[in-house]
Amino acid sequence: MFIYYFNVFLTYFLVGFAAAVYFYFILKKPILGKFIGALIVGLVGSFLGGLIDCLFTDIIHKLSDLNSVNIFAALITSLILISIFSKASPSNK
């Protein structure tokens, strides 16, 4: 049971980390708190997406499944939250 929850935690962590790297380093969006701010928002979004996955299991489960952990909701929610956070951040230009 511990290994399952560790796998879920690690998957959501990696999804949030990947979303932060994508927004900060690839898109080069100005984000409050730089990379750490993007990472925190990405992690919150990823775990919030996991909660959404639990609430709407039947609908989302049909959309995607990876390693017995659904990453669709985690990825979409973390990207949306970082996008909103990026737009709310002051521009560094």
PDB file of N, CA and C in Angstrom:
ATOM      1  N   MET A   1       0.819  -1.188   0.000  1.00  0.00           N
ATOM      2  CA  MET A   1       0.000   0.000   0.000  1.00  0.00           C
ATOM      3  C   MET A   1       0.869   1.260   0.000  1.00  0.00           C
ATOM      4  N   PHE A   2       1.977   1.235   0.748  1.00  0.00           N
ATOM      5  CA  PHE A   2       2.874   2.386   0.790  1.00  0.00           C
ATOM      6  C   PHE A   2       3.462   2.661  -0.591  1.00  0.00           C
ATOM      7  N   ILE A   3       3.811   1.616  -1.304  1.00  0.00           N
ATOM      8  CA  ILE A   3       4.418   1.775  -2.620  1.00  0.00           C
ATOM      9  C   ILE A   3       3.425   2.419  -3.591  1.00  0.00           C
ATOM     10  N   TYR A   4       2.163   2.069  -3.498  1.00  0.00           N
ATOM     11  CA  TYR A   4       1.151   2.670  -4.367  1.00  0.00           C
ATOM     12  C   TYR A   4       1.043   4.176  -4.110  1.00  0.00           C
ATOM     13  N   TYR A   5       0.928   4.579  -2.840  1.00  0.00           N
ATOM     14  CA  TYR A   5       0.796   5.997  -2.522  1.00  0.00           C
ATOM     15  C   TYR A   5       2.086   6.756  -2.841  1.00  0.00           C
ATOM     16  N   PHE A   6       3.225   6.114  -2.654  1.00  0.00           N
ATOM     17  CA  PHE A   6       4.484   6.739  -3.020  1.00  0.00           C
ATOM     18  C   PHE A   6       4.543   6.955  -4.534  1.00  0.00           C
ATOM     19  N   ASN A   7       4.061   5.988  -5.304  1.00  0.00           N
ATOM     20  CA  ASN A   7       4.022   6.101  -6.760  1.00  0.00           C
ATOM     21  C   ASN A   7       3.104   7.247  -7.194  1.00  0.00           C
ATOM     22  N   VAL A   8       1.957   7.367  -6.553  1.00  0.00           N
ATOM     23  CA  VAL A   8       1.024   8.461  -6.853  1.00  0.00           C
ATOM     24  C   VAL A   8       1.669   9.798  -6.523  1.00  0.00           C
ATOM     25  N   PHE A   9       2.269   9.918  -5.341  1.00  0.00           N
ATOM     26  CA  PHE A   9       2.934  11.157  -4.930  1.00  0.00           C
ATOM     27  C   PHE A   9       4.044  11.524  -5.904  1.00  0.00           C
ATOM     28  N   LEU A  10       4.876  10.561  -6.247  1.00  0.00           N
ATOM     29  CA  LEU A  10       5.992  10.819  -7.148  1.00  0.00           C
ATOM     30  C   LEU A  10       5.515  11.230  -8.540  1.00  0.00           C
ATOM     31  N   THR A  11       4.466  10.618  -9.024  1.00  0.00           N
ATOM     32  CA  THR A  11       3.928  10.964 -10.336  1.00  0.00           C
ATOM     33  C   THR A  11       3.389  12.393 -10.339  1.00  0.00           C
ATOM     34  N   TYR A  12       2.614  12.756  -9.327  1.00  0.00           N
ATOM     35  CA  TYR A  12       2.082  14.118  -9.253  1.00  0.00           C
ATOM     36  C   TYR A  12       3.201  15.136  -9.065  1.00  0.00           C
ATOM     37  N   PHE A  13       4.208  14.786  -8.297  1.00  0.00           N
ATOM     38  CA  PHE A  13       5.350  15.668  -8.103  1.00  0.00           C
ATOM     39  C   PHE A  13       6.063  15.914  -9.434  1.00  0.00           C
ATOM     40  N   LEU A  14       6.291  14.862 -10.198  1.00  0.00           N
ATOM     41  CA  LEU A  14       6.976  15.001 -11.483  1.00  0.00           C
ATOM     42  C   LEU A  14       6.143  15.796 -12.488  1.00  0.00           C
ATOM     43  N   VAL A  15       4.832  15.630 -12.458  1.00  0.00           N
ATOM     44  CA  VAL A  15       3.966  16.391 -13.350  1.00  0.00           C
ATOM     45  C   VAL A  15       4.032  17.876 -12.992  1.00  0.00           C
ATOM     46  N   GLY A  16       3.966  18.212 -11.718  1.00  0.00           N
ATOM     47  CA  GLY A  16       4.073  19.607 -11.284  1.00  0.00           C
ATOM     48  C   GLY A  16       5.430  20.203 -11.605  1.00  0.00           C
ATOM     49  N   PHE A  17       6.483  19.417 -11.421  1.00  0.00           N
ATOM     50  CA  PHE A  17       7.838  19.869 -11.735  1.00  0.00           C
ATOM     51  C   PHE A  17       7.988  20.114 -13.236  1.00  0.00           C
ATOM     52  N   ALA A  18       7.470  19.201 -14.044  1.00  0.00           N
ATOM     53  CA  ALA A  18       7.549  19.353 -15.498  1.00  0.00           C
ATOM     54  C   ALA A  18       6.771  20.582 -15.963  1.00  0.00           C
ATOM     55  N   ALA A  19       5.626  20.847 -15.358  1.00  0.00           N
ATOM     56  CA  ALA A  19       4.845  22.034 -15.718  1.00  0.00           C
ATOM     57  C   ALA A  19       5.613  23.305 -15.362  1.00  0.00           C
ATOM     58  N   ALA A  20       6.282  23.313 -14.211  1.00  0.00           N
ATOM     59  CA  ALA A  20       7.070  24.480 -13.813  1.00  0.00           C
ATOM     60  C   ALA A  20       8.250  24.692 -14.754  1.00  0.00           C
ATOM     61  N   VAL A  21       8.936  23.632 -15.116  1.00  0.00           N
ATOM     62  CA  VAL A  21      10.060  23.740 -16.049  1.00  0.00           C
ATOM     63  C   VAL A  21       9.576  24.243 -17.401  1.00  0.00           C
ATOM     64  N   TYR A  22       8.451  23.734 -17.852  1.00  0.00           N
ATOM     65  CA  TYR A  22       7.889  24.149 -19.137  1.00  0.00           C
ATOM     66  C   TYR A  22       7.580  25.649 -19.151  1.00  0.00           C
ATOM     67  N   PHE A  23       6.907  26.138 -18.113  1.00  0.00           N
ATOM     68  CA  PHE A  23       6.529  27.549 -18.096  1.00  0.00           C
ATOM     69  C   PHE A  23       7.714  28.467 -17.854  1.00  0.00           C
ATOM     70  N   TYR A  24       8.636  28.083 -16.975  1.00  0.00           N
ATOM     71  CA  TYR A  24       9.711  29.000 -16.606  1.00  0.00           C
ATOM     72  C   TYR A  24      10.872  28.970 -17.593  1.00  0.00           C
ATOM     73  N   PHE A  25      11.307  27.784 -17.998  1.00  0.00           N
ATOM     74  CA  PHE A  25      12.489  27.694 -18.841  1.00  0.00           C
ATOM     75  C   PHE A  25      12.178  27.641 -20.334  1.00  0.00           C
ATOM     76  N   ILE A  26      11.101  27.013 -20.743  1.00  0.00           N
ATOM     77  CA  ILE A  26      10.810  26.872 -22.163  1.00  0.00           C
ATOM     78  C   ILE A  26      10.003  28.061 -22.678  1.00  0.00           C
ATOM     79  N   LEU A  27       8.896  28.384 -22.005  1.00  0.00           N
ATOM     80  CA  LEU A  27       8.105  29.537 -22.427  1.00  0.00           C
ATOM     81  C   LEU A  27       8.674  30.866 -21.948  1.00  0.00           C
ATOM     82  N   LYS A  28       9.555  30.815 -20.944  1.00  0.00           N
ATOM     83  CA  LYS A  28      10.198  31.999 -20.357  1.00  0.00           C
ATOM     84  C   LYS A  28       9.175  33.057 -19.927  1.00  0.00           C
ATOM     85  N   LYS A  29       8.121  32.593 -19.259  1.00  0.00           N
ATOM     86  CA  LYS A  29       7.092  33.499 -18.747  1.00  0.00           C
ATOM     87  C   LYS A  29       7.583  34.142 -17.448  1.00  0.00           C
ATOM     88  N   PRO A  30       7.279  35.423 -17.243  1.00  0.00           N
ATOM     89  CA  PRO A  30       7.628  36.044 -15.952  1.00  0.00           C
ATOM     90  C   PRO A  30       6.684  35.536 -14.871  1.00  0.00           C
ATOM     91  N   ILE A  31       7.249  34.965 -13.841  1.00  0.00           N
ATOM     92  CA  ILE A  31       6.450  34.374 -12.769  1.00  0.00           C
ATOM     93  C   ILE A  31       6.956  34.907 -11.437  1.00  0.00           C
ATOM     94  N   LEU A  32       6.044  35.304 -10.591  1.00  0.00           N
ATOM     95  CA  LEU A  32       6.385  35.792  -9.264  1.00  0.00           C
ATOM     96  C   LEU A  32       7.079  34.687  -8.485  1.00  0.00           C
ATOM     97  N   GLY A  33       8.242  34.950  -7.952  1.00  0.00           N
ATOM     98  CA  GLY A  33       8.986  33.947  -7.214  1.00  0.00           C
ATOM     99  C   GLY A  33       9.908  33.130  -8.097  1.00  0.00           C
ATOM    100  N   LYS A  34      10.020  33.514  -9.353  1.00  0.00           N
ATOM    101  CA  LYS A  34      10.874  32.853 -10.342  1.00  0.00           C
ATOM    102  C   LYS A  34      10.544  31.359 -10.418  1.00  0.00           C
ATOM    103  N   PHE A  35      11.567  30.497 -10.466  1.00  0.00           N
ATOM    104  CA  PHE A  35      11.320  29.069 -10.650  1.00  0.00           C
ATOM    105  C   PHE A  35      10.660  28.438  -9.419  1.00  0.00           C
ATOM    106  N   ILE A  36      11.042  28.886  -8.237  1.00  0.00           N
ATOM    107  CA  ILE A  36      10.458  28.316  -7.011  1.00  0.00           C
ATOM    108  C   ILE A  36       8.963  28.609  -6.948  1.00  0.00           C
ATOM    109  N   GLY A  37       8.557  29.812  -7.335  1.00  0.00           N
ATOM    110  CA  GLY A  37       7.138  30.148  -7.372  1.00  0.00           C
ATOM    111  C   GLY A  37       6.386  29.286  -8.369  1.00  0.00           C
ATOM    112  N   ALA A  38       6.986  29.094  -9.544  1.00  0.00           N
ATOM    113  CA  ALA A  38       6.356  28.237 -10.554  1.00  0.00           C
ATOM    114  C   ALA A  38       6.276  26.791 -10.063  1.00  0.00           C
ATOM    115  N   LEU A  39       7.304  26.335  -9.367  1.00  0.00           N
ATOM    116  CA  LEU A  39       7.311  24.969  -8.850  1.00  0.00           C
ATOM    117  C   LEU A  39       6.226  24.766  -7.797  1.00  0.00           C
ATOM    118  N   ILE A  40       6.086  25.708  -6.890  1.00  0.00           N
ATOM    119  CA  ILE A  40       5.064  25.586  -5.847  1.00  0.00           C
ATOM    120  C   ILE A  40       3.663  25.585  -6.461  1.00  0.00           C
ATOM    121  N   VAL A  41       3.418  26.506  -7.394  1.00  0.00           N
ATOM    122  CA  VAL A  41       2.105  26.556  -8.032  1.00  0.00           C
ATOM    123  C   VAL A  41       1.867  25.310  -8.872  1.00  0.00           C
ATOM    124  N   GLY A  42       2.893  24.825  -9.552  1.00  0.00           N
ATOM    125  CA  GLY A  42       2.767  23.597 -10.338  1.00  0.00           C
ATOM    126  C   GLY A  42       2.453  22.390  -9.477  1.00  0.00           C
ATOM    127  N   LEU A  43       3.096  22.294  -8.315  1.00  0.00           N
ATOM    128  CA  LEU A  43       2.833  21.175  -7.401  1.00  0.00           C
ATOM    129  C   LEU A  43       1.426  21.262  -6.827  1.00  0.00           C
ATOM    130  N   VAL A  44       1.010  22.457  -6.442  1.00  0.00           N
ATOM    131  CA  VAL A  44      -0.349  22.631  -5.922  1.00  0.00           C
ATOM    132  C   VAL A  44      -1.363  22.262  -6.999  1.00  0.00           C
ATOM    133  N   GLY A  45      -1.119  22.725  -8.222  1.00  0.00           N
ATOM    134  CA  GLY A  45      -2.018  22.403  -9.320  1.00  0.00           C
ATOM    135  C   GLY A  45      -2.056  20.924  -9.632  1.00  0.00           C
ATOM    136  N   SER A  46      -0.910  20.281  -9.542  1.00  0.00           N
ATOM    137  CA  SER A  46      -0.845  18.854  -9.818  1.00  0.00           C
ATOM    138  C   SER A  46      -1.645  18.060  -8.784  1.00  0.00           C
ATOM    139  N   PHE A  47      -1.455  18.368  -7.513  1.00  0.00           N
ATOM    140  CA  PHE A  47      -2.187  17.646  -6.471  1.00  0.00           C
ATOM    141  C   PHE A  47      -3.671  18.025  -6.472  1.00  0.00           C
ATOM    142  N   LEU A  48      -3.986  19.262  -6.838  1.00  0.00           N
ATOM    143  CA  LEU A  48      -5.386  19.657  -6.988  1.00  0.00           C
ATOM    144  C   LEU A  48      -6.024  18.895  -8.147  1.00  0.00           C
ATOM    145  N   GLY A  49      -5.258  18.694  -9.198  1.00  0.00           N
ATOM    146  CA  GLY A  49      -5.742  17.882 -10.309  1.00  0.00           C
ATOM    147  C   GLY A  49      -5.976  16.444  -9.888  1.00  0.00           C
ATOM    148  N   GLY A  50      -5.135  15.940  -8.985  1.00  0.00           N
ATOM    149  CA  GLY A  50      -5.358  14.601  -8.445  1.00  0.00           C
ATOM    150  C   GLY A  50      -6.643  14.528  -7.640  1.00  0.00           C
ATOM    151  N   LEU A  51      -6.955  15.596  -6.920  1.00  0.00           N
ATOM    152  CA  LEU A  51      -8.212  15.649  -6.176  1.00  0.00           C
ATOM    153  C   LEU A  51      -9.404  15.690  -7.136  1.00  0.00           C
ATOM    154  N   ILE A  52      -9.271  16.463  -8.193  1.00  0.00           N
ATOM    155  CA  ILE A  52     -10.323  16.508  -9.208  1.00  0.00           C
ATOM    156  C   ILE A  52     -10.505  15.135  -9.827  1.00  0.00           C
ATOM    157  N   ASP A  53      -9.393  14.442 -10.028  1.00  0.00           N
ATOM    158  CA  ASP A  53      -9.458  13.085 -10.565  1.00  0.00           C
ATOM    159  C   ASP A  53     -10.256  12.168  -9.651  1.00  0.00           C
ATOM    160  N   CYS A  54     -10.085  12.325  -8.350  1.00  0.00           N
ATOM    161  CA  CYS A  54     -10.848  11.496  -7.407  1.00  0.00           C
ATOM    162  C   CYS A  54     -12.337  11.823  -7.449  1.00  0.00           C
ATOM    163  N   LEU A  55     -12.666  13.088  -7.656  1.00  0.00           N
ATOM    164  CA  LEU A  55     -14.066  13.491  -7.662  1.00  0.00           C
ATOM    165  C   LEU A  55     -14.786  13.091  -8.944  1.00  0.00           C
ATOM    166  N   PHE A  56     -14.075  13.139 -10.068  1.00  0.00           N
ATOM    167  CA  PHE A  56     -14.676  12.820 -11.361  1.00  0.00           C
ATOM    168  C   PHE A  56     -13.990  11.611 -11.992  1.00  0.00           C
ATOM    169  N   THR A  57     -13.867  10.554 -11.235  1.00  0.00           N
ATOM    170  CA  THR A  57     -13.106   9.377 -11.645  1.00  0.00           C
ATOM    171  C   THR A  57     -13.622   8.752 -12.934  1.00  0.00           C
ATOM    172  N   ASP A  58     -14.915   8.575 -13.055  1.00  0.00           N
ATOM    173  CA  ASP A  58     -15.465   7.884 -14.216  1.00  0.00           C
ATOM    174  C   ASP A  58     -15.178   8.617 -15.517  1.00  0.00           C
ATOM    175  N   ILE A  59     -15.335   9.917 -15.520  1.00  0.00           N
ATOM    176  CA  ILE A  59     -15.134  10.691 -16.739  1.00  0.00           C
ATOM    177  C   ILE A  59     -13.655  10.761 -17.107  1.00  0.00           C
ATOM    178  N   ILE A  60     -12.839  11.101 -16.143  1.00  0.00           N
ATOM    179  CA  ILE A  60     -11.423  11.319 -16.420  1.00  0.00           C
ATOM    180  C   ILE A  60     -10.688  10.003 -16.655  1.00  0.00           C
ATOM    181  N   HIS A  61     -11.107   8.944 -16.021  1.00  0.00           N
ATOM    182  CA  HIS A  61     -10.431   7.658 -16.188  1.00  0.00           C
ATOM    183  C   HIS A  61     -10.488   7.171 -17.628  1.00  0.00           C
ATOM    184  N   LYS A  62     -11.533   7.523 -18.309  1.00  0.00           N
ATOM    185  CA  LYS A  62     -11.651   7.136 -19.709  1.00  0.00           C
ATOM    186  C   LYS A  62     -10.715   7.943 -20.600  1.00  0.00           C
ATOM    187  N   LEU A  63     -10.278   9.110 -20.137  1.00  0.00           N
ATOM    188  CA  LEU A  63      -9.437   9.972 -20.962  1.00  0.00           C
ATOM    189  C   LEU A  63      -7.976   9.526 -20.992  1.00  0.00           C
ATOM    190  N   SER A  64      -7.429   9.146 -19.851  1.00  0.00           N
ATOM    191  CA  SER A  64      -6.035   8.706 -19.856  1.00  0.00           C
ATOM    192  C   SER A  64      -5.709   7.941 -18.582  1.00  0.00           C
ATOM    193  N   ASP A  65      -4.695   7.098 -18.713  1.00  0.00           N
ATOM    194  CA  ASP A  65      -4.229   6.309 -17.577  1.00  0.00           C
ATOM    195  C   ASP A  65      -2.762   5.979 -17.825  1.00  0.00           C
ATOM    196  N   LEU A  66      -1.899   6.321 -16.881  1.00  0.00           N
ATOM    197  CA  LEU A  66      -0.478   6.069 -17.012  1.00  0.00           C
ATOM    198  C   LEU A  66       0.044   5.477 -15.721  1.00  0.00           C
ATOM    199  N   ASN A  67       0.556   4.279 -15.781  1.00  0.00           N
ATOM    200  CA  ASN A  67       1.195   3.645 -14.627  1.00  0.00           C
ATOM    201  C   ASN A  67       0.234   3.573 -13.445  1.00  0.00           C
ATOM    202  N   SER A  68      -0.991   3.290 -13.720  1.00  0.00           N
ATOM    203  CA  SER A  68      -2.090   3.194 -12.756  1.00  0.00           C
ATOM    204  C   SER A  68      -2.366   4.515 -12.033  1.00  0.00           C
ATOM    205  N   VAL A  69      -1.799   5.609 -12.542  1.00  0.00           N
ATOM    206  CA  VAL A  69      -2.049   6.942 -12.003  1.00  0.00           C
ATOM    207  C   VAL A  69      -2.498   7.816 -13.165  1.00  0.00           C
ATOM    208  N   ASN A  70      -3.647   8.449 -13.032  1.00  0.00           N
ATOM    209  CA  ASN A  70      -4.162   9.310 -14.080  1.00  0.00           C
ATOM    210  C   ASN A  70      -3.463  10.655 -14.013  1.00  0.00           C
ATOM    211  N   ILE A  71      -2.718  10.999 -15.062  1.00  0.00           N
ATOM    212  CA  ILE A  71      -1.983  12.266 -15.051  1.00  0.00           C
ATOM    213  C   ILE A  71      -2.700  13.366 -15.813  1.00  0.00           C
ATOM    214  N   PHE A  72      -3.805  13.048 -16.472  1.00  0.00           N
ATOM    215  CA  PHE A  72      -4.502  14.042 -17.284  1.00  0.00           C
ATOM    216  C   PHE A  72      -4.953  15.230 -16.428  1.00  0.00           C
ATOM    217  N   ALA A  73      -5.663  14.975 -15.376  1.00  0.00           N
ATOM    218  CA  ALA A  73      -6.182  16.057 -14.528  1.00  0.00           C
ATOM    219  C   ALA A  73      -5.053  16.809 -13.842  1.00  0.00           C
ATOM    220  N   ALA A  74      -4.031  16.100 -13.400  1.00  0.00           N
ATOM    221  CA  ALA A  74      -2.902  16.752 -12.726  1.00  0.00           C
ATOM    222  C   ALA A  74      -2.158  17.678 -13.677  1.00  0.00           C
ATOM    223  N   LEU A  75      -1.926  17.235 -14.884  1.00  0.00           N
ATOM    224  CA  LEU A  75      -1.197  18.041 -15.858  1.00  0.00           C
ATOM    225  C   LEU A  75      -1.988  19.268 -16.272  1.00  0.00           C
ATOM    226  N   ILE A  76      -3.239  19.094 -16.590  1.00  0.00           N
ATOM    227  CA  ILE A  76      -4.066  20.220 -17.034  1.00  0.00           C
ATOM    228  C   ILE A  76      -4.214  21.255 -15.920  1.00  0.00           C
ATOM    229  N   THR A  77      -4.487  20.810 -14.709  1.00  0.00           N
ATOM    230  CA  THR A  77      -4.687  21.745 -13.600  1.00  0.00           C
ATOM    231  C   THR A  77      -3.407  22.487 -13.255  1.00  0.00           C
ATOM    232  N   SER A  78      -2.263  21.816 -13.262  1.00  0.00           N
ATOM    233  CA  SER A  78      -1.015  22.501 -12.933  1.00  0.00           C
ATOM    234  C   SER A  78      -0.658  23.520 -14.012  1.00  0.00           C
ATOM    235  N   LEU A  79      -0.889  23.196 -15.275  1.00  0.00           N
ATOM    236  CA  LEU A  79      -0.606  24.155 -16.342  1.00  0.00           C
ATOM    237  C   LEU A  79      -1.543  25.361 -16.274  1.00  0.00           C
ATOM    238  N   ILE A  80      -2.799  25.133 -15.965  1.00  0.00           N
ATOM    239  CA  ILE A  80      -3.754  26.243 -15.843  1.00  0.00           C
ATOM    240  C   ILE A  80      -3.380  27.156 -14.680  1.00  0.00           C
ATOM    241  N   LEU A  81      -3.030  26.571 -13.531  1.00  0.00           N
ATOM    242  CA  LEU A  81      -2.673  27.395 -12.373  1.00  0.00           C
ATOM    243  C   LEU A  81      -1.404  28.206 -12.619  1.00  0.00           C
ATOM    244  N   ILE A  82      -0.397  27.597 -13.249  1.00  0.00           N
ATOM    245  CA  ILE A  82       0.829  28.352 -13.530  1.00  0.00           C
ATOM    246  C   ILE A  82       0.545  29.453 -14.546  1.00  0.00           C
ATOM    247  N   SER A  83      -0.316  29.196 -15.512  1.00  0.00           N
ATOM    248  CA  SER A  83      -0.677  30.218 -16.496  1.00  0.00           C
ATOM    249  C   SER A  83      -1.365  31.405 -15.821  1.00  0.00           C
ATOM    250  N   ILE A  84      -2.292  31.121 -14.937  1.00  0.00           N
ATOM    251  CA  ILE A  84      -2.984  32.194 -14.204  1.00  0.00           C
ATOM    252  C   ILE A  84      -2.003  32.946 -13.316  1.00  0.00           C
ATOM    253  N   PHE A  85      -1.121  32.214 -12.639  1.00  0.00           N
ATOM    254  CA  PHE A  85      -0.132  32.840 -11.762  1.00  0.00           C
ATOM    255  C   PHE A  85       0.839  33.692 -12.567  1.00  0.00           C
ATOM    256  N   SER A  86       1.169  33.239 -13.779  1.00  0.00           N
ATOM    257  CA  SER A  86       2.078  33.996 -14.630  1.00  0.00           C
ATOM    258  C   SER A  86       1.435  35.301 -15.080  1.00  0.00           C
ATOM    259  N   LYS A  87       0.160  35.277 -15.403  1.00  0.00           N
ATOM    260  CA  LYS A  87      -0.528  36.491 -15.833  1.00  0.00           C
ATOM    261  C   LYS A  87      -0.698  37.473 -14.668  1.00  0.00           C
ATOM    262  N   ALA A  88      -0.781  36.961 -13.447  1.00  0.00           N
ATOM    263  CA  ALA A  88      -0.936  37.826 -12.285  1.00  0.00           C
ATOM    264  C   ALA A  88       0.391  38.417 -11.815  1.00  0.00           C
ATOM    265  N   SER A  89       1.506  37.848 -12.266  1.00  0.00           N
ATOM    266  CA  SER A  89       2.820  38.315 -11.849  1.00  0.00           C
ATOM    267  C   SER A  89       3.186  39.587 -12.598  1.00  0.00           C
ATOM    268  N   PRO A  90       3.932  40.462 -11.935  1.00  0.00           N
ATOM    269  CA  PRO A  90       4.373  41.673 -12.636  1.00  0.00           C
ATOM    270  C   PRO A  90       5.409  41.307 -13.704  1.00  0.00           C
ATOM    271  N   SER A  91       5.392  42.028 -14.803  1.00  0.00           N
ATOM    272  CA  SER A  91       6.317  41.771 -15.903  1.00  0.00           C
ATOM    273  C   SER A  91       7.708  42.249 -15.538  1.00  0.00           C
ATOM    274  N   ASN A  92       8.727  41.446 -15.869  1.00  0.00           N
ATOM    275  CA  ASN A  92      10.116  41.809 -15.576  1.00  0.00           C
ATOM    276  C   ASN A  92      10.803  42.466 -16.777  1.00  0.00           C
ATOM    277  N   LYS A  93      10.066  42.909 -17.759  1.00  0.00           N
ATOM    278  CA  LYS A  93      10.659  43.476 -18.968  1.00  0.00           C
ATOM    279  C   LYS A  93      10.995  44.927 -18.810  1.00  0.00           C
TER     280      LYS A  93
END
